[in-house]
Amino acid sequence: MQNKIFTKFVQDHVAVSSLESPLHATRKDPRIISITWFIGKRCNYDCSYCPSYTHDNFSPHIKKVEAINFINALEKYALEQNKTFKISITGGEPFVHPDFMSILQHLKQKKSLTQLVVVTNGSVSLEKYVQSLNYITNLTISLHLEQNNKTVDRTIEKIVALTKLKKAWINVNLMVLPKSLTKIKKIIKIFQQNKVKFVLIKIDPPVENVLNKIKKGDTQKILKAEEKYLQNKLDIKTKYHTNLEQRHEEYYTKEELQFIENFEQQNQWKNIKLHQEDKIMEMNTSDLVAKKLNKWQGWQCYIGIDSLYIQHDGTIFRGNCMQGNIIGKIGSNINWPKTPIKCPIEVCVCNADMPIRKVKESKYEYLIHNKKENNV
């Protein structure tokens, strides 16, 4: 696809819908909720670009009974509303939870569940990943190149082995670490040879001072940070959205940015559909990010109707961007939204939020309801 045609279409589109599941792909107004469950901050990695609100090595795990009760409440709501749900579990590193397999098994039993996704850093044993494929439909492995070469090579071997099993949808987020272009090109070649589905992920540069990170065992600082967790996270997320293009230019070399922007994604999957009045274009959200076209400020966004985001402490928001008010908490009533909100942010940076239905103006709502479509 030529860059000029692509860019022109994106600039002129007026509505967005999702391709994240078969129901999204076949119905414009699918009665399905896309849920991102940030199940815990605990992680066995400490990547420099991963903010403190996303990972640490000391936060407590959610109790198994609380997780089970939330899943049951979600199932009850879905059945009452005649809806289904797809759920993506992320962290931290979900597999470090001691009861994670039991939680997956419980989810698998729910009639309203259409898709179960887990996002992992690839550090788990191949045997455990294979076991998880009995319950999950999609496994997303983020390949972090800050790990030593032996760890990265071992993770690549697991990715290739899992892909060859063909038991679930396996895809890779290849994190484009600055000063690693030679290594990335070698990995791309391995993935292409083994038909691994992957996308290049342009990293948002860190905004925190790494010297201020809390260390495991510092109880007082941990408790204080947890008290102010939500406000700190919102503050940091705001900083991530500020001057993002400029910070990317400072973080990467021109050669690296050009490589990311011009790379023709191989074996990628399509997860978003952009609508003009008489045409559509299907693509992966990483294409939009690479070309700095992931902007819908002022549009009507259906987060909270098509999606939910659950914090590690059980707090529930409309979407990963955490825009709009808190709508509930695990273990208490949830105020399920019934109307979209006007997007207040300059850049939509989350791959879970980008495919959520959006319209530039209300007159284009018919594009995400019922009307025959023509492909570009």
Foldseek 3Di string as FASTA:
>chain_A
DDPVVVVVQLVQFFKKAWPAAPQRVPALAAQEAEEEEAQEQAAPDDDQQDDSLFHDNATDGDDPVLLLLLLVVVLVVCVVVVGAYEYEYEGRAQVVPPCSLVSLVSNQPRPRYDFYEYEHQQQDDLVVVVVSLVRGAEYEHEQDPVDDPVSSVVSLVSQLVVVVVPSHHYEYADEDAAPCVVVVVVSVVVCQVSLHAYAYDDGQGADDDPVPDDHPPPVVVVVVCVVCVVVVVLVRLQVSQPPRVVVSPVRHPPVSLVCNQPPDRDSYDWIMWTHDPAEIDTDAVSNCVSVVSQFQAQWFFQQLSRYWYARNQFFIASDPNRPDDTQDGRPDDGNRDDGTDGHHGGGDRDSSRSNTIIGNDPVCVCVSHDDDHDYD
